[in-house]
Amino acid sequence: IITISTNTAQGQDSFAKKANISNLIFLSDNPNFDFGKNTGLLIEEMGMLRRTVLVVDEKNIIRYVDFVPSGGLPDIKGALNAAKQVLLESS
């Protein structure tokens, strides 16, 4: 699982250590927000990325997208089902 945010790499590292998270890959879109700009996920006035869940297959094709409403939670069941389907199709 990869998580991308506009937090600095140092801030992400500090968060992961405090939360005892070692099984996620943290990527920073800071300071230029290139990922957010190129994907349309950047909320420019806030300097944040829109909360989004993507499931990508082994060919880097996006197979599932969940744009999470502000203040909402992602559809974890939907994402897991999509990931399972991708794994089934790749075997």
PDB file of N, CA and C in Angstrom:
ATOM      1  N   ILE A   1       0.856  -1.165   0.000  1.00  0.00           N
ATOM      2  CA  ILE A   1       0.000   0.000   0.000  1.00  0.00           C
ATOM      3  C   ILE A   1       0.901   1.226   0.000  1.00  0.00           C
ATOM      4  N   ILE A   2       0.562   2.161  -0.862  1.00  0.00           N
ATOM      5  CA  ILE A   2       1.304   3.413  -0.981  1.00  0.00           C
ATOM      6  C   ILE A   2       0.362   4.551  -0.608  1.00  0.00           C
ATOM      7  N   THR A   3       0.840   5.461   0.197  1.00  0.00           N
ATOM      8  CA  THR A   3       0.056   6.651   0.533  1.00  0.00           C
ATOM      9  C   THR A   3       0.819   7.880   0.055  1.00  0.00           C
ATOM     10  N   ILE A   4       0.096   8.789  -0.599  1.00  0.00           N
ATOM     11  CA  ILE A   4       0.704  10.003  -1.143  1.00  0.00           C
ATOM     12  C   ILE A   4      -0.002  11.196  -0.509  1.00  0.00           C
ATOM     13  N   SER A   5       0.782  12.138  -0.013  1.00  0.00           N
ATOM     14  CA  SER A   5       0.191  13.351   0.555  1.00  0.00           C
ATOM     15  C   SER A   5       1.093  14.538   0.257  1.00  0.00           C
ATOM     16  N   THR A   6       0.603  15.718   0.613  1.00  0.00           N
ATOM     17  CA  THR A   6       1.407  16.925   0.441  1.00  0.00           C
ATOM     18  C   THR A   6       2.247  17.222   1.678  1.00  0.00           C
ATOM     19  N   ASN A   7       2.184  16.347   2.663  1.00  0.00           N
ATOM     20  CA  ASN A   7       3.062  16.486   3.826  1.00  0.00           C
ATOM     21  C   ASN A   7       4.506  16.276   3.382  1.00  0.00           C
ATOM     22  N   THR A   8       5.426  16.885   4.087  1.00  0.00           N
ATOM     23  CA  THR A   8       6.835  16.677   3.768  1.00  0.00           C
ATOM     24  C   THR A   8       7.229  15.239   4.101  1.00  0.00           C
ATOM     25  N   ALA A   9       8.286  14.768   3.474  1.00  0.00           N
ATOM     26  CA  ALA A   9       8.786  13.419   3.767  1.00  0.00           C
ATOM     27  C   ALA A   9       9.159  13.310   5.243  1.00  0.00           C
ATOM     28  N   GLN A  10       9.733  14.366   5.806  1.00  0.00           N
ATOM     29  CA  GLN A  10      10.100  14.367   7.223  1.00  0.00           C
ATOM     30  C   GLN A  10       8.846  14.259   8.097  1.00  0.00           C
ATOM     31  N   GLY A  11       7.797  14.987   7.743  1.00  0.00           N
ATOM     32  CA  GLY A  11       6.550  14.919   8.493  1.00  0.00           C
ATOM     33  C   GLY A  11       5.906  13.545   8.418  1.00  0.00           C
ATOM     34  N   GLN A  12       5.958  12.939   7.223  1.00  0.00           N
ATOM     35  CA  GLN A  12       5.403  11.592   7.057  1.00  0.00           C
ATOM     36  C   GLN A  12       6.176  10.581   7.892  1.00  0.00           C
ATOM     37  N   ASP A  13       7.499  10.706   7.877  1.00  0.00           N
ATOM     38  CA  ASP A  13       8.341   9.792   8.649  1.00  0.00           C
ATOM     39  C   ASP A  13       8.043   9.910  10.141  1.00  0.00           C
ATOM     40  N   SER A  14       7.895  11.130  10.602  1.00  0.00           N
ATOM     41  CA  SER A  14       7.581  11.366  12.010  1.00  0.00           C
ATOM     42  C   SER A  14       6.222  10.765  12.367  1.00  0.00           C
ATOM     43  N   PHE A  15       5.225  10.980  11.502  1.00  0.00           N
ATOM     44  CA  PHE A  15       3.888  10.416  11.728  1.00  0.00           C
ATOM     45  C   PHE A  15       3.944   8.897  11.790  1.00  0.00           C
ATOM     46  N   ALA A  16       4.636   8.282  10.826  1.00  0.00           N
ATOM     47  CA  ALA A  16       4.718   6.818  10.773  1.00  0.00           C
ATOM     48  C   ALA A  16       5.367   6.260  12.034  1.00  0.00           C
ATOM     49  N   LYS A  17       6.404   6.917  12.506  1.00  0.00           N
ATOM     50  CA  LYS A  17       7.079   6.454  13.726  1.00  0.00           C
ATOM     51  C   LYS A  17       6.174   6.588  14.943  1.00  0.00           C
ATOM     52  N   LYS A  18       5.503   7.734  15.077  1.00  0.00           N
ATOM     53  CA  LYS A  18       4.611   7.951  16.221  1.00  0.00           C
ATOM     54  C   LYS A  18       3.439   6.975  16.209  1.00  0.00           C
ATOM     55  N   ALA A  19       2.930   6.663  15.005  1.00  0.00           N
ATOM     56  CA  ALA A  19       1.779   5.761  14.878  1.00  0.00           C
ATOM     57  C   ALA A  19       2.205   4.299  14.763  1.00  0.00           C
ATOM     58  N   ASN A  20       3.525   4.060  14.815  1.00  0.00           N
ATOM     59  CA  ASN A  20       4.073   2.700  14.704  1.00  0.00           C
ATOM     60  C   ASN A  20       3.629   2.011  13.408  1.00  0.00           C
ATOM     61  N   ILE A  21       3.711   2.754  12.301  1.00  0.00           N
ATOM     62  CA  ILE A  21       3.335   2.229  10.985  1.00  0.00           C
ATOM     63  C   ILE A  21       4.607   1.861  10.237  1.00  0.00           C
ATOM     64  N   SER A  22       4.727   0.590   9.874  1.00  0.00           N
ATOM     65  CA  SER A  22       5.932   0.152   9.158  1.00  0.00           C
ATOM     66  C   SER A  22       5.602  -0.606   7.874  1.00  0.00           C
ATOM     67  N   ASN A  23       4.320  -0.814   7.598  1.00  0.00           N
ATOM     68  CA  ASN A  23       3.953  -1.625   6.438  1.00  0.00           C
ATOM     69  C   ASN A  23       3.341  -0.808   5.302  1.00  0.00           C
ATOM     70  N   LEU A  24       3.517   0.506   5.311  1.00  0.00           N
ATOM     71  CA  LEU A  24       3.041   1.369   4.240  1.00  0.00           C
ATOM     72  C   LEU A  24       4.221   2.115   3.638  1.00  0.00           C
ATOM     73  N   ILE A  25       4.092   2.458   2.377  1.00  0.00           N
ATOM     74  CA  ILE A  25       5.080   3.304   1.710  1.00  0.00           C
ATOM     75  C   ILE A  25       4.490   4.708   1.655  1.00  0.00           C
ATOM     76  N   PHE A  26       5.204   5.679   2.201  1.00  0.00           N
ATOM     77  CA  PHE A  26       4.756   7.068   2.196  1.00  0.00           C
ATOM     78  C   PHE A  26       5.517   7.834   1.118  1.00  0.00           C
ATOM     79  N   LEU A  27       4.785   8.525   0.245  1.00  0.00           N
ATOM     80  CA  LEU A  27       5.385   9.375  -0.777  1.00  0.00           C
ATOM     81  C   LEU A  27       4.890  10.799  -0.575  1.00  0.00           C
ATOM     82  N   SER A  28       5.780  11.755  -0.777  1.00  0.00           N
ATOM     83  CA  SER A  28       5.437  13.162  -0.591  1.00  0.00           C
ATOM     84  C   SER A  28       5.298  13.867  -1.935  1.00  0.00           C
ATOM     85  N   ASP A  29       4.229  14.636  -2.084  1.00  0.00           N
ATOM     86  CA  ASP A  29       4.014  15.457  -3.277  1.00  0.00           C
ATOM     87  C   ASP A  29       4.398  16.908  -2.976  1.00  0.00           C
ATOM     88  N   ASN A  30       5.295  17.076  -2.031  1.00  0.00           N
ATOM     89  CA  ASN A  30       5.717  18.386  -1.578  1.00  0.00           C
ATOM     90  C   ASN A  30       7.126  18.641  -2.089  1.00  0.00           C
ATOM     91  N   PRO A  31       7.534  19.766  -2.567  1.00  0.00           N
ATOM     92  CA  PRO A  31       6.879  21.054  -2.458  1.00  0.00           C
ATOM     93  C   PRO A  31       6.128  21.495  -3.713  1.00  0.00           C
ATOM     94  N   ASN A  32       6.268  20.785  -4.832  1.00  0.00           N
ATOM     95  CA  ASN A  32       5.715  21.286  -6.094  1.00  0.00           C
ATOM     96  C   ASN A  32       4.321  20.773  -6.436  1.00  0.00           C
ATOM     97  N   PHE A  33       3.851  19.757  -5.730  1.00  0.00           N
ATOM     98  CA  PHE A  33       2.515  19.191  -5.944  1.00  0.00           C
ATOM     99  C   PHE A  33       2.303  18.680  -7.375  1.00  0.00           C
ATOM    100  N   ASP A  34       3.368  18.172  -7.999  1.00  0.00           N
ATOM    101  CA  ASP A  34       3.264  17.695  -9.380  1.00  0.00           C
ATOM    102  C   ASP A  34       2.249  16.569  -9.538  1.00  0.00           C
ATOM    103  N   PHE A  35       2.246  15.610  -8.614  1.00  0.00           N
ATOM    104  CA  PHE A  35       1.287  14.505  -8.700  1.00  0.00           C
ATOM    105  C   PHE A  35      -0.141  15.042  -8.638  1.00  0.00           C
ATOM    106  N   GLY A  36      -0.403  15.892  -7.669  1.00  0.00           N
ATOM    107  CA  GLY A  36      -1.744  16.452  -7.511  1.00  0.00           C
ATOM    108  C   GLY A  36      -2.187  17.264  -8.711  1.00  0.00           C
ATOM    109  N   LYS A  37      -1.287  18.067  -9.254  1.00  0.00           N
ATOM    110  CA  LYS A  37      -1.616  18.880 -10.429  1.00  0.00           C
ATOM    111  C   LYS A  37      -1.867  17.998 -11.645  1.00  0.00           C
ATOM    112  N   ASN A  38      -1.005  17.003 -11.856  1.00  0.00           N
ATOM    113  CA  ASN A  38      -1.123  16.147 -13.040  1.00  0.00           C
ATOM    114  C   ASN A  38      -2.317  15.208 -12.994  1.00  0.00           C
ATOM    115  N   THR A  39      -2.799  14.889 -11.802  1.00  0.00           N
ATOM    116  CA  THR A  39      -3.941  13.975 -11.673  1.00  0.00           C
ATOM    117  C   THR A  39      -5.247  14.702 -11.398  1.00  0.00           C
ATOM    118  N   GLY A  40      -5.182  16.005 -11.166  1.00  0.00           N
ATOM    119  CA  GLY A  40      -6.384  16.760 -10.836  1.00  0.00           C
ATOM    120  C   GLY A  40      -6.844  16.554  -9.399  1.00  0.00           C
ATOM    121  N   LEU A  41      -5.992  15.985  -8.563  1.00  0.00           N
ATOM    122  CA  LEU A  41      -6.360  15.704  -7.176  1.00  0.00           C
ATOM    123  C   LEU A  41      -5.941  16.803  -6.204  1.00  0.00           C
ATOM    124  N   LEU A  42      -5.239  17.817  -6.690  1.00  0.00           N
ATOM    125  CA  LEU A  42      -4.774  18.879  -5.810  1.00  0.00           C
ATOM    126  C   LEU A  42      -5.901  19.862  -5.519  1.00  0.00           C
ATOM    127  N   ILE A  43      -6.125  20.143  -4.247  1.00  0.00           N
ATOM    128  CA  ILE A  43      -7.026  21.214  -3.826  1.00  0.00           C
ATOM    129  C   ILE A  43      -6.107  22.405  -3.568  1.00  0.00           C
ATOM    130  N   GLU A  44      -5.939  23.229  -4.604  1.00  0.00           N
ATOM    131  CA  GLU A  44      -4.903  24.269  -4.567  1.00  0.00           C
ATOM    132  C   GLU A  44      -5.046  25.227  -3.402  1.00  0.00           C
ATOM    133  N   GLU A  45      -6.269  25.679  -3.119  1.00  0.00           N
ATOM    134  CA  GLU A  45      -6.443  26.670  -2.055  1.00  0.00           C
ATOM    135  C   GLU A  45      -6.086  26.124  -0.676  1.00  0.00           C
ATOM    136  N   MET A  46      -6.046  24.801  -0.545  1.00  0.00           N
ATOM    137  CA  MET A  46      -5.705  24.180   0.735  1.00  0.00           C
ATOM    138  C   MET A  46      -4.317  23.548   0.725  1.00  0.00           C
ATOM    139  N   GLY A  47      -3.721  23.414  -0.466  1.00  0.00           N
ATOM    140  CA  GLY A  47      -2.414  22.765  -0.565  1.00  0.00           C
ATOM    141  C   GLY A  47      -2.459  21.305  -0.165  1.00  0.00           C
ATOM    142  N   MET A  48      -3.602  20.669  -0.451  1.00  0.00           N
ATOM    143  CA  MET A  48      -3.795  19.263  -0.078  1.00  0.00           C
ATOM    144  C   MET A  48      -4.281  18.469  -1.282  1.00  0.00           C
ATOM    145  N   LEU A  49      -4.106  17.155  -1.188  1.00  0.00           N
ATOM    146  CA  LEU A  49      -4.654  16.269  -2.202  1.00  0.00           C
ATOM    147  C   LEU A  49      -6.045  15.818  -1.774  1.00  0.00           C
ATOM    148  N   ARG A  50      -6.928  15.672  -2.752  1.00  0.00           N
ATOM    149  CA  ARG A  50      -8.249  15.117  -2.477  1.00  0.00           C
ATOM    150  C   ARG A  50      -8.067  13.671  -2.053  1.00  0.00           C
ATOM    151  N   ARG A  51      -8.750  13.251  -0.979  1.00  0.00           N
ATOM    152  CA  ARG A  51      -8.623  11.868  -0.501  1.00  0.00           C
ATOM    153  C   ARG A  51      -9.208  10.937  -1.562  1.00  0.00           C
ATOM    154  N   THR A  52      -8.363  10.046  -2.033  1.00  0.00           N
ATOM    155  CA  THR A  52      -8.721   9.153  -3.127  1.00  0.00           C
ATOM    156  C   THR A  52      -8.076   7.797  -2.896  1.00  0.00           C
ATOM    157  N   VAL A  53      -8.807   6.739  -3.225  1.00  0.00           N
ATOM    158  CA  VAL A  53      -8.253   5.387  -3.171  1.00  0.00           C
ATOM    159  C   VAL A  53      -8.175   4.871  -4.602  1.00  0.00           C
ATOM    160  N   LEU A  54      -7.001   4.407  -4.983  1.00  0.00           N
ATOM    161  CA  LEU A  54      -6.786   3.830  -6.309  1.00  0.00           C
ATOM    162  C   LEU A  54      -6.290   2.402  -6.151  1.00  0.00           C
ATOM    163  N   VAL A  55      -6.816   1.504  -6.975  1.00  0.00           N
ATOM    164  CA  VAL A  55      -6.260   0.155  -7.073  1.00  0.00           C
ATOM    165  C   VAL A  55      -5.680   0.055  -8.471  1.00  0.00           C
ATOM    166  N   VAL A  56      -4.400  -0.275  -8.534  1.00  0.00           N
ATOM    167  CA  VAL A  56      -3.662  -0.313  -9.793  1.00  0.00           C
ATOM    168  C   VAL A  56      -3.168  -1.733 -10.018  1.00  0.00           C
ATOM    169  N   ASP A  57      -3.300  -2.226 -11.257  1.00  0.00           N
ATOM    170  CA  ASP A  57      -2.846  -3.594 -11.531  1.00  0.00           C
ATOM    171  C   ASP A  57      -1.358  -3.628 -11.863  1.00  0.00           C
ATOM    172  N   GLU A  58      -0.856  -4.818 -12.160  1.00  0.00           N
ATOM    173  CA  GLU A  58       0.580  -4.997 -12.399  1.00  0.00           C
ATOM    174  C   GLU A  58       1.073  -4.292 -13.660  1.00  0.00           C
ATOM    175  N   LYS A  59       0.138  -3.871 -14.531  1.00  0.00           N
ATOM    176  CA  LYS A  59       0.509  -3.131 -15.740  1.00  0.00           C
ATOM    177  C   LYS A  59       0.333  -1.624 -15.537  1.00  0.00           C
ATOM    178  N   ASN A  60       0.137  -1.227 -14.274  1.00  0.00           N
ATOM    179  CA  ASN A  60      -0.074   0.179 -13.899  1.00  0.00           C
ATOM    180  C   ASN A  60      -1.351   0.769 -14.484  1.00  0.00           C
ATOM    181  N   ILE A  61      -2.346  -0.083 -14.703  1.00  0.00           N
ATOM    182  CA  ILE A  61      -3.658   0.365 -15.157  1.00  0.00           C
ATOM    183  C   ILE A  61      -4.539   0.552 -13.923  1.00  0.00           C
ATOM    184  N   ILE A  62      -5.153   1.716 -13.818  1.00  0.00           N
ATOM    185  CA  ILE A  62      -6.039   1.981 -12.685  1.00  0.00           C
ATOM    186  C   ILE A  62      -7.307   1.162 -12.870  1.00  0.00           C
ATOM    187  N   ARG A  63      -7.591   0.307 -11.898  1.00  0.00           N
ATOM    188  CA  ARG A  63      -8.736  -0.594 -11.974  1.00  0.00           C
ATOM    189  C   ARG A  63      -9.879  -0.192 -11.048  1.00  0.00           C
ATOM    190  N   TYR A  64      -9.612   0.703 -10.121  1.00  0.00           N
ATOM    191  CA  TYR A  64     -10.639   1.122  -9.162  1.00  0.00           C
ATOM    192  C   TYR A  64     -10.291   2.512  -8.656  1.00  0.00           C
ATOM    193  N   VAL A  65     -11.301   3.363  -8.556  1.00  0.00           N
ATOM    194  CA  VAL A  65     -11.114   4.708  -8.014  1.00  0.00           C
ATOM    195  C   VAL A  65     -12.257   5.006  -7.050  1.00  0.00           C
ATOM    196  N   ASP A  66     -11.926   5.531  -5.907  1.00  0.00           N
ATOM    197  CA  ASP A  66     -12.919   5.990  -4.937  1.00  0.00           C
ATOM    198  C   ASP A  66     -12.532   7.401  -4.528  1.00  0.00           C
ATOM    199  N   PHE A  67     -13.295   8.396  -5.014  1.00  0.00           N
ATOM    200  CA  PHE A  67     -13.095   9.776  -4.591  1.00  0.00           C
ATOM    201  C   PHE A  67     -13.889   9.955  -3.303  1.00  0.00           C
ATOM    202  N   VAL A  68     -13.193  10.122  -2.212  1.00  0.00           N
ATOM    203  CA  VAL A  68     -13.825  10.168  -0.896  1.00  0.00           C
ATOM    204  C   VAL A  68     -14.344  11.578  -0.621  1.00  0.00           C
ATOM    205  N   PRO A  69     -15.628  11.691  -0.251  1.00  0.00           N
ATOM    206  CA  PRO A  69     -16.171  13.017   0.064  1.00  0.00           C
ATOM    207  C   PRO A  69     -15.443  13.644   1.253  1.00  0.00           C
ATOM    208  N   SER A  70     -15.399  14.956   1.282  1.00  0.00           N
ATOM    209  CA  SER A  70     -14.738  15.669   2.373  1.00  0.00           C
ATOM    210  C   SER A  70     -15.303  15.220   3.712  1.00  0.00           C
ATOM    211  N   GLY A  71     -14.416  14.829   4.602  1.00  0.00           N
ATOM    212  CA  GLY A  71     -14.826  14.366   5.920  1.00  0.00           C
ATOM    213  C   GLY A  71     -15.299  12.928   5.958  1.00  0.00           C
ATOM    214  N   GLY A  72     -15.360  12.284   4.789  1.00  0.00           N
ATOM    215  CA  GLY A  72     -15.840  10.909   4.722  1.00  0.00           C
ATOM    216  C   GLY A  72     -14.723   9.890   4.842  1.00  0.00           C
ATOM    217  N   LEU A  73     -15.125   8.647   4.842  1.00  0.00           N
ATOM    218  CA  LEU A  73     -14.175   7.538   4.898  1.00  0.00           C
ATOM    219  C   LEU A  73     -14.196   6.788   3.574  1.00  0.00           C
ATOM    220  N   PRO A  74     -13.064   6.231   3.169  1.00  0.00           N
ATOM    221  CA  PRO A  74     -13.031   5.468   1.920  1.00  0.00           C
ATOM    222  C   PRO A  74     -13.845   4.184   2.034  1.00  0.00           C
ATOM    223  N   ASP A  75     -14.279   3.694   0.872  1.00  0.00           N
ATOM    224  CA  ASP A  75     -15.000   2.425   0.798  1.00  0.00           C
ATOM    225  C   ASP A  75     -13.959   1.302   0.829  1.00  0.00           C
ATOM    226  N   ILE A  76     -13.574   0.893   2.020  1.00  0.00           N
ATOM    227  CA  ILE A  76     -12.528  -0.116   2.186  1.00  0.00           C
ATOM    228  C   ILE A  76     -12.951  -1.440   1.558  1.00  0.00           C
ATOM    229  N   LYS A  77     -14.208  -1.833   1.740  1.00  0.00           N
ATOM    230  CA  LYS A  77     -14.683  -3.098   1.159  1.00  0.00           C
ATOM    231  C   LYS A  77     -14.584  -3.060  -0.362  1.00  0.00           C
ATOM    232  N   GLY A  78     -14.976  -1.945  -0.955  1.00  0.00           N
ATOM    233  CA  GLY A  78     -14.888  -1.813  -2.406  1.00  0.00           C
ATOM    234  C   GLY A  78     -13.453  -1.898  -2.895  1.00  0.00           C
ATOM    235  N   ALA A  79     -12.550  -1.231  -2.192  1.00  0.00           N
ATOM    236  CA  ALA A  79     -11.136  -1.256  -2.573  1.00  0.00           C
ATOM    237  C   ALA A  79     -10.552  -2.651  -2.418  1.00  0.00           C
ATOM    238  N   LEU A  80     -10.875  -3.323  -1.325  1.00  0.00           N
ATOM    239  CA  LEU A  80     -10.367  -4.683  -1.113  1.00  0.00           C
ATOM    240  C   LEU A  80     -10.921  -5.649  -2.154  1.00  0.00           C
ATOM    241  N   ASN A  81     -12.201  -5.519  -2.487  1.00  0.00           N
ATOM    242  CA  ASN A  81     -12.780  -6.380  -3.527  1.00  0.00           C
ATOM    243  C   ASN A  81     -12.099  -6.144  -4.869  1.00  0.00           C
ATOM    244  N   ALA A  82     -11.832  -4.885  -5.190  1.00  0.00           N
ATOM    245  CA  ALA A  82     -11.137  -4.574  -6.443  1.00  0.00           C
ATOM    246  C   ALA A  82      -9.727  -5.143  -6.436  1.00  0.00           C
ATOM    247  N   ALA A  83      -9.032  -5.026  -5.311  1.00  0.00           N
ATOM    248  CA  ALA A  83      -7.674  -5.571  -5.208  1.00  0.00           C
ATOM    249  C   ALA A  83      -7.689  -7.089  -5.351  1.00  0.00           C
ATOM    250  N   LYS A  84      -8.666  -7.744  -4.729  1.00  0.00           N
ATOM    251  CA  LYS A  84      -8.787  -9.200  -4.857  1.00  0.00           C
ATOM    252  C   LYS A  84      -9.026  -9.593  -6.307  1.00  0.00           C
ATOM    253  N   GLN A  85      -9.876  -8.841  -7.002  1.00  0.00           N
ATOM    254  CA  GLN A  85     -10.159  -9.130  -8.408  1.00  0.00           C
ATOM    255  C   GLN A  85      -8.898  -8.980  -9.258  1.00  0.00           C
ATOM    256  N   VAL A  86      -8.133  -7.936  -8.999  1.00  0.00           N
ATOM    257  CA  VAL A  86      -6.874  -7.729  -9.731  1.00  0.00           C
ATOM    258  C   VAL A  86      -5.933  -8.900  -9.488  1.00  0.00           C
ATOM    259  N   LEU A  87      -5.835  -9.352  -8.245  1.00  0.00           N
ATOM    260  CA  LEU A  87      -4.961 -10.486  -7.928  1.00  0.00           C
ATOM    261  C   LEU A  87      -5.436 -11.765  -8.606  1.00  0.00           C
ATOM    262  N   LEU A  88      -6.744 -11.989  -8.622  1.00  0.00           N
ATOM    263  CA  LEU A  88      -7.286 -13.183  -9.291  1.00  0.00           C
ATOM    264  C   LEU A  88      -6.981 -13.172 -10.781  1.00  0.00           C
ATOM    265  N   GLU A  89      -7.138 -12.017 -11.404  1.00  0.00           N
ATOM    266  CA  GLU A  89      -6.908 -11.903 -12.843  1.00  0.00           C
ATOM    267  C   GLU A  89      -5.435 -12.009 -13.210  1.00  0.00           C
ATOM    268  N   SER A  90      -4.553 -11.715 -12.271  1.00  0.00           N
ATOM    269  CA  SER A  90      -3.120 -11.762 -12.577  1.00  0.00           C
ATOM    270  C   SER A  90      -2.522 -13.146 -12.362  1.00  0.00           C
ATOM    271  N   SER A  91      -3.287 -14.042 -11.741  1.00  0.00           N
ATOM    272  CA  SER A  91      -2.731 -15.380 -11.477  1.00  0.00           C
ATOM    273  C   SER A  91      -3.150 -16.387 -12.519  1.00  0.00           C
TER     274      SER A  91
END
